[in-house]
Protein backbone atom coordinates (compact mmCIF):
# COMPACT_ATOMS: atom_id res chain seq x y z
CA MET A 1 0.01 0.01 0.00
CA LYS A 2 2.83 2.40 0.93
CA ARG A 3 4.50 1.64 -2.38
CA ASN A 4 1.28 2.45 -4.26
CA ILE A 5 0.87 5.73 -2.41
CA PHE A 6 4.50 6.62 -3.11
CA GLY A 7 4.03 5.79 -6.80
CA ILE A 8 0.91 7.96 -6.97
CA LEU A 9 2.76 10.88 -5.34
CA ILE A 10 5.59 10.62 -7.84
CA PHE A 11 3.07 10.59 -10.70
CA ILE A 12 1.27 13.64 -9.33
CA LEU A 13 4.52 15.58 -8.79
CA SER A 14 5.74 14.66 -12.28
CA PHE A 15 2.45 15.89 -13.75
CA ILE A 16 2.68 19.17 -11.78
CA PHE A 17 6.26 19.73 -12.87
CA SER A 18 5.44 18.91 -16.49
CA TYR A 19 2.38 21.17 -16.47
CA GLY A 20 4.34 24.02 -14.89
CA LYS A 21 7.11 23.71 -17.46
CA GLU A 22 4.65 23.70 -20.35
CA ASN A 23 2.99 26.84 -19.03
CA THR A 24 6.20 28.78 -18.39
CA LEU A 25 8.41 30.69 -20.78
CA VAL A 26 11.97 31.55 -19.75
CA VAL A 27 12.87 34.82 -21.44
CA GLY A 28 16.43 35.95 -21.82
CA THR A 29 17.43 39.61 -21.58
CA ASN A 30 20.40 41.84 -20.88
CA ALA A 31 19.25 44.13 -18.05
CA ALA A 32 21.53 47.03 -18.82
CA PHE A 33 19.60 48.70 -21.60
CA VAL A 34 17.60 51.58 -20.12
CA PRO A 35 14.59 52.02 -20.51
CA PHE A 36 13.93 48.67 -22.17
CA GLU A 37 15.41 46.41 -19.48
CA TYR A 38 17.31 47.37 -16.37
CA MET A 39 17.69 46.63 -12.67
CA GLU A 40 15.63 48.48 -10.09
CA LYS A 41 15.70 47.46 -6.42
CA GLY A 42 16.88 44.03 -7.36
CA ASP A 43 14.22 43.43 -9.99
CA ILE A 44 14.50 43.40 -13.79
CA VAL A 45 12.11 46.09 -15.07
CA GLY A 46 11.52 48.16 -18.18
CA PHE A 47 9.51 48.61 -21.36
CA ASP A 48 10.39 45.16 -22.72
CA ILE A 49 9.64 43.43 -19.46
CA ASP A 50 6.18 45.03 -19.10
CA LEU A 51 5.43 44.18 -22.73
CA MET A 52 6.59 40.58 -22.29
CA ASN A 53 4.55 40.10 -19.13
CA LYS A 54 1.48 41.38 -20.91
CA ILE A 55 2.12 38.98 -23.79
CA GLY A 56 2.45 36.17 -21.27
CA LYS A 57 -0.99 36.96 -19.81
CA LYS A 58 -2.45 37.05 -23.33
CA ILE A 59 -1.11 33.63 -24.27
CA GLY A 60 -1.56 31.96 -20.87
CA LYS A 61 2.11 31.60 -20.00
CA LYS A 62 4.05 32.52 -16.85
CA ILE A 63 7.08 34.61 -17.77
CA ILE A 64 10.41 34.07 -16.05
CA VAL A 65 13.03 36.65 -17.00
CA LYS A 66 16.70 35.63 -16.97
CA ASP A 67 19.48 38.22 -17.11
CA MET A 68 22.61 37.36 -19.12
CA THR A 69 25.28 38.92 -21.28
CA PHE A 70 23.97 40.22 -24.59
CA ASP A 71 26.33 38.06 -26.71
CA GLY A 72 25.16 35.00 -24.82
CA LEU A 73 21.47 35.43 -25.63
CA ILE A 74 21.21 33.81 -29.07
CA PRO A 75 23.49 30.85 -28.12
CA SER A 76 21.32 30.30 -25.03
CA LEU A 77 18.19 30.29 -27.21
CA GLN A 78 19.79 27.87 -29.65
CA SER A 79 20.75 25.49 -26.85
CA LYS A 80 17.22 25.80 -25.37
CA LYS A 81 18.39 27.23 -22.06
CA ILE A 82 15.81 29.95 -22.68
CA ASP A 83 12.61 30.05 -24.73
CA LEU A 84 12.61 33.63 -26.00
CA ILE A 85 14.70 36.77 -26.18
CA ILE A 86 13.46 40.27 -25.53
CA ALA A 87 16.36 42.68 -25.15
CA GLY A 88 16.04 45.56 -27.60
CA LEU A 89 17.25 43.00 -30.13
CA SER A 90 17.29 44.24 -33.68
CA LYS A 91 15.89 42.00 -36.41
CA THR A 92 18.66 41.43 -38.95
CA LYS A 93 19.26 39.01 -41.83
CA GLU A 94 22.33 37.69 -40.07
CA ARG A 95 20.43 36.87 -36.85
CA GLU A 96 17.56 35.35 -38.89
CA LYS A 97 19.97 32.57 -39.86
CA PHE A 98 19.84 31.36 -36.24
CA VAL A 99 16.48 32.47 -34.83
CA ASP A 100 12.98 33.49 -35.90
CA PHE A 101 11.59 36.87 -35.05
CA SER A 102 8.15 38.20 -34.07
CA GLU A 103 6.60 41.18 -35.75
CA PRO A 104 8.60 44.34 -34.83
CA TYR A 105 7.47 46.18 -31.71
CA PHE A 106 9.82 49.23 -31.78
CA VAL A 107 11.76 51.22 -34.35
CA ALA A 108 15.23 52.58 -33.41
CA LYS A 109 18.37 54.09 -34.80
CA GLN A 110 21.94 54.69 -33.68
CA VAL A 111 23.43 57.86 -32.20
CA ILE A 112 26.78 58.89 -30.75
CA LEU A 113 27.22 59.80 -27.09
CA THR A 114 30.18 62.05 -26.42
CA LYS A 115 31.22 64.85 -24.04
CA ASP A 116 29.91 68.34 -24.54
CA ASN A 117 33.40 69.71 -25.28
CA ASN A 118 34.16 67.08 -27.93
CA SER A 119 34.01 68.13 -31.61
CA ILE A 120 32.54 64.80 -32.83
CA GLU A 121 29.60 65.44 -35.12
CA SER A 122 29.41 62.37 -37.40
CA LEU A 123 30.57 58.78 -37.80
CA ASN A 124 33.45 60.01 -39.95
CA ASP A 125 34.72 62.08 -36.99
CA LEU A 126 35.16 58.83 -35.03
CA LYS A 127 38.09 57.69 -37.15
CA ASN A 128 41.27 57.64 -35.05
CA LYS A 129 39.13 58.12 -31.92
CA LYS A 130 38.61 55.59 -29.13
CA ILE A 131 35.06 54.39 -29.61
CA GLY A 132 33.06 52.45 -27.03
CA VAL A 133 30.52 49.78 -28.16
CA VAL A 134 28.71 47.00 -26.35
CA LEU A 135 29.72 43.56 -27.63
CA GLY A 136 27.19 42.29 -30.14
CA TYR A 137 25.04 45.44 -30.19
CA THR A 138 24.22 47.23 -33.44
CA GLY A 139 26.76 49.91 -32.54
CA ASP A 140 29.46 47.22 -32.52
CA ILE A 141 28.42 46.03 -35.95
CA LEU A 142 28.18 49.61 -37.28
CA ALA A 143 31.70 50.44 -36.04
CA THR A 144 33.09 47.42 -37.89
CA LYS A 145 31.22 48.32 -41.10
CA ASN A 146 32.66 51.83 -40.98
CA SER A 147 36.20 50.61 -40.33
CA LEU A 148 36.41 52.23 -36.91
CA ASN A 149 39.33 50.10 -35.83
CA ASN A 150 39.88 51.80 -32.47
CA LYS A 151 36.66 50.45 -30.95
CA ILE A 152 36.68 49.19 -27.38
CA GLN A 153 34.07 46.49 -26.64
CA TYR A 154 32.23 46.55 -23.31
CA ASP A 155 30.01 43.87 -21.79
CA SER A 156 27.31 46.42 -20.90
CA THR A 157 26.14 49.95 -21.66
CA PRO A 158 26.83 51.22 -18.10
CA GLY A 159 30.47 50.02 -18.54
CA ALA A 160 30.75 52.06 -21.73
CA ILE A 161 29.24 55.11 -20.01
CA ILE A 162 31.82 54.90 -17.22
CA GLY A 163 34.50 54.65 -19.91
CA LEU A 164 33.21 57.87 -21.48
CA LEU A 165 32.92 59.73 -18.19
CA THR A 166 36.49 58.76 -17.17
CA ASP A 167 37.92 59.71 -20.60
CA LYS A 168 38.94 56.19 -21.52
CA ILE A 169 36.95 56.58 -24.73
CA ASP A 170 35.90 59.54 -26.84
CA GLY A 171 32.41 58.43 -27.69
CA ILE A 172 29.89 55.60 -27.71
CA ILE A 173 27.78 54.34 -30.60
CA ILE A 174 24.47 53.48 -28.96
CA ASP A 175 20.77 53.03 -29.67
CA SER A 176 18.84 56.31 -29.63
CA ALA A 177 16.43 55.68 -26.77
CA PRO A 178 19.01 54.59 -24.13
CA GLY A 179 21.42 57.19 -25.50
CA HIS A 180 19.00 60.02 -24.69
CA MET A 181 18.24 58.46 -21.29
CA TYR A 182 21.93 58.39 -20.31
CA GLN A 183 22.42 61.91 -21.60
CA LYS A 184 19.68 63.18 -19.33
CA LYS A 185 21.16 61.41 -16.30
CA ASN A 186 24.81 62.47 -16.81
CA LYS A 187 25.90 66.11 -16.97
CA GLY A 188 28.43 67.04 -19.62
CA ILE A 189 27.28 64.46 -22.19
CA LYS A 190 25.60 65.23 -25.54
CA VAL A 191 23.79 63.16 -28.16
CA VAL A 192 25.00 63.41 -31.72
CA GLU A 193 22.43 62.33 -34.27
CA ILE A 194 23.91 60.45 -37.19
CA ASN A 195 22.66 59.22 -40.57
CA SER A 196 22.08 55.60 -39.55
CA GLN A 197 19.59 53.07 -40.90
CA GLU A 198 16.49 52.47 -38.87
CA GLU A 199 16.32 49.13 -37.14
CA GLN A 200 13.39 47.14 -35.76
CA TYR A 201 13.32 45.52 -32.31
CA ALA A 202 11.57 42.14 -32.20
CA ILE A 203 11.21 39.09 -29.95
CA ALA A 204 13.52 36.25 -30.92
CA ILE A 205 12.19 32.67 -30.91
CA GLY A 206 13.85 29.34 -31.64
CA LYS A 207 13.55 28.05 -35.17
CA ASN A 208 10.44 26.14 -36.29
CA GLN A 209 8.11 27.17 -33.42
CA LYS A 210 5.31 28.47 -35.59
CA GLU A 211 2.51 28.02 -33.06
CA LEU A 212 4.35 30.05 -30.40
CA LEU A 213 5.38 32.67 -32.92
CA ASN A 214 1.83 33.11 -34.17
CA SER A 215 0.47 33.42 -30.62
CA ILE A 216 3.02 36.10 -29.75
CA ASN A 217 2.27 38.05 -32.95
CA LYS A 218 -1.43 37.87 -32.21
CA ALA A 219 -0.80 39.12 -28.64
CA LEU A 220 1.35 41.98 -29.88
CA LYS A 221 -1.40 43.05 -32.34
CA GLU A 222 -4.05 43.01 -29.58
CA ILE A 223 -1.79 44.92 -27.16
CA LYS A 224 -1.38 47.72 -29.73
CA GLU A 225 -5.08 47.78 -30.62
CA GLU A 226 -6.16 47.88 -26.97
CA GLY A 227 -3.94 50.88 -26.14
CA TYR A 228 -1.58 49.18 -23.68
CA TYR A 229 1.39 49.72 -26.03
CA ASP A 230 0.75 53.46 -26.01
CA GLU A 231 0.57 53.36 -22.24
CA LEU A 232 4.07 51.84 -22.16
CA LEU A 233 5.37 54.51 -24.52
CA THR A 234 4.01 57.19 -22.21
CA LYS A 235 5.40 55.46 -19.10
CA TYR A 236 8.94 55.04 -20.37
CA PHE A 237 9.48 57.77 -22.99
CA LYS A 238 7.32 60.79 -22.07
């Protein structure tokens, strides 16, 4: 009898664990990208996190957010350590070789952050300057494409900001939204607008998961139609 009870308990626990796993999505992010994902009082918060939690409610999934280095996100998705990525991740042809993307949820571009007394006004002015980029970010790719050979790669945006403030670098190539946020929070820094191509942020999903992809796209559409997306824009950008 005891063996039967033990067996039943094991079965019930296995069912609960399996059910919990099926109804949970582990979402990878890099919580150093204000205002999209960042740490506040020990919690990961931001535009992307609010958006992802709302999507989770729409599709009936509990969202668990996991912080990691930006360059480790796609490998973690490929190895199934995480289920999704939301991290201000730009949809590119190169990345589409490895992951699938949702419909875009934000349009961005690149800018330069530099000190007020610096004469940098364009990408061309960065030649022979020490340029900070975050490893794997669009700014990193843009620096390489423009043959800016003196780039210094950082693991996070705050690290690059410290490098700029302590004169270890002359400028940072960074996404516009966080660039303007850091400019507001740090005296003596200016934003230089540059002629860069627009990019689209999207949620990354493992290859061949059409059902999950479709459900996320449907949720995104509803979130925009219902006005919650506009609420997030007001909360984080106004």
